[in-house]
Amino acid sequence: MLVKHIIQEYNFNDKSKGEDSFMEVRVLRYFLAVAREESISKAAEYLHITQPTLSRQLMELEEQLGSKLLNRGKCNHKITLTDEGILLRKRAEEIIALVDKTKSEFTETNEVISGDIYIGGGETDAMRLIAKTAQNLKNDYPHIRYHLFSGNADDVTEKLDNGLLDFGILIEPADMEKYNYIKLPVTDRWGLLMRKDSPLAEKEKISSNELLEIPLITSHQTLVRNEISGWSGQDFEKLNIVATYNLVYNASLMVDEGFGYALCLDKLVNTSESSNLCFKPLAPQLEAHLDIVWKKHQVFSKAAEKFLTMLKQIGRASCRERV
């Protein structure tokens, strides 16, 4: 009944065929295998089932949804997804992740605390605090596993809302209305990532006026743009934005090729002596505060409870060290 409820939440039931016609999670796994392998024969081999059986299951899936999901190549037999197939792949990944997460939570025992903790966040040095928390728990609870998801605030909150993450790390400003949270005792600072042979590399800090004169690569998040606008006193749209990013690594490659300068947080990209890049902080300094959040009224697994308790202890100790 649990699986049926999850699938019903995603509207994958066919009421015309009665209450018992829910799509099976097994078939969703079949579909994802085909999408990944781009071949029915390879997917059948991976799943250890016959090719005719897999083909029949996929045709029944398309019939049940009333949509074509797969484009079957005539020459090389390569399988590609239709627009409807792309949508189903996203939903199927969410459903299966939630089913697997739920099963894991129910297999925990009172004697041994184990299971999986799912944590999402953007690129930030604050992940060191998460790593420190996990390391401190490791000796007492060696059977806890951690699954890290990297994404921007929109990606993280979507997965939090769908129950696919236990915790999310959000960089302020962020919409916290739906979440409980604690402020992390760490801050990141904003600055400009550039090539070391850039004229601005000679400066210790970067002013708002200097941003007006250069091609910028910025985060595409609206809240971040508002923060930069408030700091600079400039209309963000007046800046020369040549590209946007959601994770800074790809942006750093564009910077390395000389395409522009990336507005980003410190300590996320290699700027050592061996790198072509350097980071210059903004002036006046603009700091980003960070929060770890979870859904209001969330029921935690025992593993997640232990993690949150340890994180609070480490956070309080870090605060005392900084005083």
Protein backbone atom coordinates (compact mmCIF):
# COMPACT_ATOMS: atom_id res chain seq x y z
CA MET A 1 0.00 0.00 0.00
CA LEU A 2 2.91 2.36 0.66
CA VAL A 3 4.21 2.03 -2.89
CA LYS A 4 0.70 2.52 -4.26
CA HIS A 5 0.31 5.71 -2.26
CA ILE A 6 3.63 7.08 -3.52
CA ILE A 7 2.73 6.36 -7.13
CA GLN A 8 -0.74 7.84 -6.68
CA GLU A 9 0.84 11.05 -5.41
CA TYR A 10 2.59 11.33 -8.78
CA ASN A 11 -0.66 10.65 -10.69
CA PHE A 12 0.56 7.39 -12.20
CA ASN A 13 -2.70 5.52 -11.66
CA ASP A 14 -5.15 4.71 -14.40
CA LYS A 15 -8.61 5.09 -12.88
CA SER A 16 -10.26 3.82 -16.02
CA LYS A 17 -8.84 0.38 -15.28
CA GLY A 18 -9.74 0.29 -11.62
CA GLU A 19 -7.92 0.76 -8.33
CA ASP A 20 -5.54 -2.18 -8.86
CA SER A 21 -4.01 -0.91 -12.11
CA PHE A 22 -1.20 1.09 -10.54
CA MET A 23 2.05 1.20 -12.44
CA GLU A 24 4.55 -1.13 -10.81
CA VAL A 25 7.84 0.23 -9.54
CA ARG A 26 9.51 -2.75 -11.21
CA VAL A 27 8.36 -1.47 -14.62
CA LEU A 28 9.71 1.99 -13.82
CA ARG A 29 13.09 0.40 -13.13
CA TYR A 30 12.85 -1.35 -16.50
CA PHE A 31 12.09 1.96 -18.22
CA LEU A 32 15.03 3.72 -16.53
CA ALA A 33 17.38 0.91 -17.54
CA VAL A 34 16.37 1.35 -21.18
CA ALA A 35 16.76 5.13 -20.92
CA ARG A 36 20.23 4.69 -19.46
CA GLU A 37 21.46 1.98 -21.84
CA GLU A 38 19.75 3.52 -24.91
CA SER A 39 19.15 -0.04 -26.05
CA ILE A 40 16.47 -2.61 -25.28
CA SER A 41 18.86 -5.52 -25.77
CA LYS A 42 21.51 -4.05 -23.47
CA ALA A 43 18.90 -3.14 -20.88
CA ALA A 44 17.45 -6.67 -21.01
CA GLU A 45 20.92 -8.09 -20.47
CA TYR A 46 21.50 -5.74 -17.52
CA LEU A 47 18.11 -6.64 -15.99
CA HIS A 48 18.56 -10.39 -16.61
CA ILE A 49 15.28 -10.70 -18.49
CA THR A 50 14.51 -11.59 -22.09
CA GLN A 51 14.28 -8.90 -24.72
CA PRO A 52 10.68 -9.81 -25.74
CA THR A 53 9.60 -9.57 -22.10
CA LEU A 54 11.15 -6.13 -21.74
CA SER A 55 9.67 -4.91 -25.02
CA ARG A 56 6.21 -6.09 -23.97
CA GLN A 57 6.49 -4.34 -20.60
CA LEU A 58 7.49 -1.08 -22.29
CA MET A 59 4.62 -1.26 -24.78
CA GLU A 60 2.17 -1.91 -21.94
CA LEU A 61 3.65 1.09 -20.10
CA GLU A 62 3.11 3.34 -23.11
CA GLU A 63 -0.44 2.01 -23.49
CA GLN A 64 -1.18 2.61 -19.81
CA LEU A 65 0.03 6.21 -19.97
CA GLY A 66 -1.45 6.84 -23.39
CA SER A 67 1.82 8.35 -24.59
CA LYS A 68 4.75 7.30 -26.71
CA LEU A 69 7.82 7.24 -24.49
CA LEU A 70 10.55 5.87 -26.73
CA ASN A 71 11.84 6.59 -30.21
CA ARG A 72 13.15 3.33 -31.62
CA GLY A 73 15.95 3.86 -34.16
CA LYS A 74 15.62 1.82 -37.37
CA CYS A 75 19.28 1.62 -38.36
CA ASN A 76 21.37 1.44 -35.20
CA HIS A 77 18.51 0.42 -32.87
CA LYS A 78 19.44 3.28 -30.53
CA ILE A 79 16.64 4.25 -28.16
CA THR A 80 15.95 7.91 -27.43
CA LEU A 81 13.27 9.45 -25.23
CA THR A 82 10.33 11.48 -26.44
CA ASP A 83 9.35 14.61 -24.51
CA GLU A 84 6.90 12.47 -22.54
CA GLY A 85 9.67 9.93 -21.92
CA ILE A 86 11.96 12.64 -20.55
CA LEU A 87 9.21 13.71 -18.14
CA LEU A 88 8.61 10.12 -17.04
CA ARG A 89 12.33 9.55 -16.50
CA LYS A 90 12.46 12.49 -14.08
CA ARG A 91 9.36 11.32 -12.18
CA ALA A 92 10.46 7.68 -12.19
CA GLU A 93 13.84 8.60 -10.71
CA GLU A 94 12.06 10.52 -7.95
CA ILE A 95 9.60 7.70 -7.24
CA ILE A 96 12.27 5.00 -7.09
CA ALA A 97 14.55 7.12 -4.94
CA LEU A 98 11.68 7.73 -2.51
CA VAL A 99 10.71 4.04 -2.46
CA ASP A 100 14.31 2.96 -1.81
CA LYS A 101 14.71 5.62 0.88
CA THR A 102 11.50 4.49 2.60
CA LYS A 103 12.52 0.82 2.51
CA SER A 104 15.87 1.75 4.03
CA GLU A 105 14.18 3.62 6.88
CA PHE A 106 11.97 0.64 7.70
CA THR A 107 14.90 -1.78 7.79
CA GLU A 108 16.53 0.08 10.67
CA THR A 109 16.53 -1.84 13.96
CA ASN A 110 16.46 -0.64 17.54
CA GLU A 111 19.69 -2.46 18.35
CA VAL A 112 21.83 -1.05 15.56
CA ILE A 113 21.31 2.43 14.18
CA SER A 114 21.93 2.28 10.46
CA GLY A 115 20.42 3.53 7.26
CA ASP A 116 20.84 6.34 4.78
CA ILE A 117 20.97 10.10 5.20
CA TYR A 118 20.35 12.27 2.15
CA ILE A 119 21.85 15.76 2.14
CA GLY A 120 21.66 18.34 -0.63
CA GLY A 121 23.41 21.64 -1.07
CA GLY A 122 25.12 24.06 -3.35
CA GLU A 123 28.85 24.33 -3.72
CA THR A 124 30.11 25.71 -0.42
CA ASP A 125 33.00 25.17 1.96
CA ALA A 126 30.36 24.58 4.66
CA MET A 127 30.21 20.96 3.46
CA ARG A 128 33.32 20.50 5.60
CA LEU A 129 31.05 20.84 8.63
CA ILE A 130 28.85 18.06 7.24
CA ALA A 131 31.94 15.90 6.71
CA LYS A 132 33.13 16.60 10.24
CA THR A 133 29.73 15.60 11.64
CA ALA A 134 29.73 12.35 9.66
CA GLN A 135 33.27 11.57 10.80
CA ASN A 136 32.35 12.13 14.47
CA LEU A 137 29.42 9.73 14.13
CA LYS A 138 31.43 7.11 12.29
CA ASN A 139 32.90 5.28 15.28
CA ASP A 140 29.60 4.88 17.15
CA TYR A 141 27.39 4.36 14.09
CA PRO A 142 29.50 2.84 11.32
CA HIS A 143 26.46 1.56 9.40
CA ILE A 144 25.08 4.99 8.55
CA ARG A 145 25.56 5.87 4.88
CA TYR A 146 25.54 9.39 3.47
CA HIS A 147 24.27 10.42 0.05
CA LEU A 148 25.24 13.91 -1.13
CA PHE A 149 23.35 15.78 -3.83
CA SER A 150 24.85 18.90 -5.41
CA GLY A 151 22.53 21.52 -6.82
CA ASN A 152 21.38 25.09 -6.44
CA ALA A 153 18.68 26.21 -4.00
CA ASP A 154 15.86 25.44 -6.45
CA ASP A 155 17.14 21.89 -7.01
CA VAL A 156 17.61 21.25 -3.29
CA THR A 157 14.24 22.60 -2.15
CA GLU A 158 12.43 20.63 -4.86
CA LYS A 159 13.96 17.41 -3.58
CA LEU A 160 13.30 18.39 0.03
CA ASP A 161 9.65 19.05 -0.76
CA ASN A 162 9.35 15.68 -2.52
CA GLY A 163 10.86 13.82 0.43
CA LEU A 164 14.02 12.83 -1.44
CA LEU A 165 16.36 14.69 0.93
CA ASP A 166 16.52 14.72 4.72
CA PHE A 167 18.49 17.96 4.91
CA GLY A 168 19.43 20.79 2.63
CA ILE A 169 22.13 23.43 2.93
CA LEU A 170 20.94 26.78 1.63
CA ILE A 171 22.93 29.93 1.09
CA GLU A 172 21.18 33.06 2.32
CA PRO A 173 19.07 34.74 1.12
CA ALA A 174 16.66 31.82 0.85
CA ASP A 175 12.92 31.27 1.25
CA MET A 176 12.64 29.50 4.63
CA GLU A 177 8.86 29.60 5.10
CA LYS A 178 8.35 25.84 4.66
CA TYR A 179 11.37 24.69 6.67
CA ASN A 180 12.86 24.39 10.10
CA TYR A 181 16.50 25.38 10.14
CA ILE A 182 19.59 26.15 12.14
CA LYS A 183 22.21 28.67 11.14
CA LEU A 184 25.59 27.14 10.50
CA PRO A 185 28.56 28.75 12.26
CA VAL A 186 30.32 29.39 8.96
CA THR A 187 30.22 32.06 6.29
CA ASP A 188 31.36 32.23 2.70
CA ARG A 189 32.44 35.40 0.97
CA TRP A 190 31.56 36.60 -2.49
CA GLY A 191 34.20 37.61 -4.97
CA LEU A 192 35.37 37.47 -8.53
CA LEU A 193 37.04 34.45 -10.13
CA MET A 194 39.43 35.45 -12.91
CA ARG A 195 42.54 34.44 -14.82
CA LYS A 196 45.83 35.36 -13.18
CA ASP A 197 46.82 37.30 -16.29
CA SER A 198 43.73 39.51 -16.01
CA PRO A 199 44.33 43.23 -15.34
CA LEU A 200 42.10 42.96 -12.25
CA ALA A 201 44.29 40.20 -10.81
CA GLU A 202 46.68 42.88 -9.55
CA LYS A 203 43.99 44.28 -7.25
CA GLU A 204 43.42 43.05 -3.70
CA LYS A 205 39.65 43.66 -3.84
CA ILE A 206 37.00 44.35 -6.45
CA SER A 207 34.62 47.31 -6.25
CA SER A 208 31.09 47.50 -7.63
CA ASN A 209 32.12 50.02 -10.29
CA GLU A 210 34.70 47.58 -11.67
CA LEU A 211 31.95 45.01 -12.24
CA LEU A 212 30.30 47.36 -14.73
CA GLU A 213 33.27 47.20 -17.09
CA ILE A 214 33.76 43.44 -17.51
CA PRO A 215 31.87 40.41 -18.93
CA LEU A 216 30.33 38.54 -16.00
CA ILE A 217 29.29 34.94 -15.42
CA THR A 218 26.77 34.84 -12.57
CA SER A 219 24.41 32.54 -10.72
CA HIS A 220 21.02 32.34 -12.39
CA GLN A 221 19.15 32.42 -9.06
CA THR A 222 16.97 35.50 -8.58
CA LEU A 223 17.66 35.79 -4.85
CA VAL A 224 21.41 35.85 -5.46
CA ARG A 225 20.98 38.51 -8.11
CA ASN A 226 18.96 40.61 -5.66
CA GLU A 227 21.72 40.22 -3.07
CA ILE A 228 24.37 41.43 -5.52
CA SER A 229 22.15 44.35 -6.57
CA GLY A 230 21.65 45.38 -2.95
CA TRP A 231 25.37 45.20 -2.26
CA SER A 232 26.45 47.14 -5.34
CA GLY A 233 23.65 49.66 -5.45
CA GLN A 234 23.46 48.89 -9.16
CA ASP A 235 20.63 47.54 -11.25
CA PHE A 236 21.69 43.94 -11.90
CA GLU A 237 20.39 44.15 -15.45
CA LYS A 238 22.90 46.89 -16.21
CA LEU A 239 25.77 44.48 -15.68
CA ASN A 240 27.26 42.78 -18.74
CA ILE A 241 26.02 39.23 -18.06
CA VAL A 242 27.46 36.93 -20.72
CA ALA A 243 26.54 33.59 -19.07
CA THR A 244 24.84 32.11 -16.01
CA TYR A 245 25.54 28.96 -13.99
CA ASN A 246 23.97 26.83 -11.29
CA LEU A 247 27.22 25.13 -10.18
CA VAL A 248 30.47 27.04 -10.42
CA TYR A 249 32.82 24.35 -11.77
CA ASN A 250 31.59 24.71 -15.35
CA ALA A 251 31.71 28.48 -14.96
CA SER A 252 35.36 28.20 -13.92
CA LEU A 253 36.16 26.46 -17.21
CA MET A 254 34.70 29.41 -19.12
CA VAL A 255 36.77 31.77 -16.98
CA ASP A 256 39.87 29.69 -17.71
CA GLU A 257 39.21 30.07 -21.43
CA GLY A 258 39.03 33.85 -21.02
CA PHE A 259 35.29 34.12 -21.70
CA GLY A 260 34.54 36.24 -18.64
CA TYR A 261 34.75 36.71 -14.88
CA ALA A 262 32.65 34.61 -12.49
CA LEU A 263 30.86 36.12 -9.51
CA CYS A 264 31.00 33.27 -7.00
CA LEU A 265 31.87 32.16 -3.49
CA ASP A 266 35.42 31.61 -2.28
CA LYS A 267 37.19 28.25 -1.81
CA LEU A 268 35.18 26.38 -4.44
CA VAL A 269 37.67 26.42 -7.31
CA ASN A 270 41.36 25.57 -7.30
CA THR A 271 43.33 28.84 -7.21
CA SER A 272 46.66 27.40 -6.08
CA GLU A 273 49.99 28.16 -7.73
CA SER A 274 49.37 25.43 -10.31
CA SER A 275 46.06 26.99 -11.39
CA ASN A 276 45.53 29.68 -14.03
CA LEU A 277 42.83 31.24 -11.85
CA CYS A 278 42.69 33.50 -8.81
CA PHE A 279 39.91 34.81 -6.54
CA LYS A 280 39.51 38.43 -5.45
CA PRO A 281 36.94 39.34 -2.76
CA LEU A 282 34.39 42.09 -3.24
CA ALA A 283 34.75 45.40 -1.41
CA PRO A 284 32.97 46.22 0.76
CA GLN A 285 32.96 42.58 1.82
CA LEU A 286 29.83 40.61 1.01
CA GLU A 287 29.35 37.49 3.10
CA ALA A 288 26.96 34.59 2.55
CA HIS A 289 25.47 32.98 5.64
CA LEU A 290 24.37 29.37 5.48
CA ASP A 291 21.54 27.35 7.00
CA ILE A 292 20.81 23.65 7.20
CA VAL A 293 17.10 23.12 6.66
CA TRP A 294 14.51 20.34 6.81
CA LYS A 295 10.79 20.15 6.20
CA LYS A 296 8.49 21.27 8.98
CA HIS A 297 6.84 18.36 10.83
CA GLN A 298 9.35 15.96 9.27
CA VAL A 299 9.65 12.54 10.90
CA PHE A 300 13.33 11.67 11.00
CA SER A 301 14.88 8.23 10.87
CA LYS A 302 17.03 7.35 13.89
CA ALA A 303 20.14 7.91 11.77
CA ALA A 304 18.99 11.39 10.76
CA GLU A 305 18.17 12.24 14.39
CA LYS A 306 21.68 11.27 15.47
CA PHE A 307 23.16 13.31 12.63
CA LEU A 308 21.20 16.45 13.55
CA THR A 309 22.09 16.10 17.24
CA MET A 310 25.80 15.78 16.44
CA LEU A 311 25.66 18.68 13.98
CA LYS A 312 24.17 20.93 16.68
CA GLN A 313 26.91 19.90 19.12
CA ILE A 314 29.66 20.63 16.60
CA GLY A 315 27.97 23.90 15.69
CA ARG A 316 27.88 25.07 19.31
CA ALA A 317 31.54 24.10 19.78
CA SER A 318 32.49 26.01 16.62
CA CYS A 319 30.67 29.09 17.88
CA ARG A 320 32.60 28.96 21.20
CA GLU A 321 35.88 28.64 19.30
CA ARG A 322 35.11 31.77 17.28
CA VAL A 323 34.29 33.92 20.35
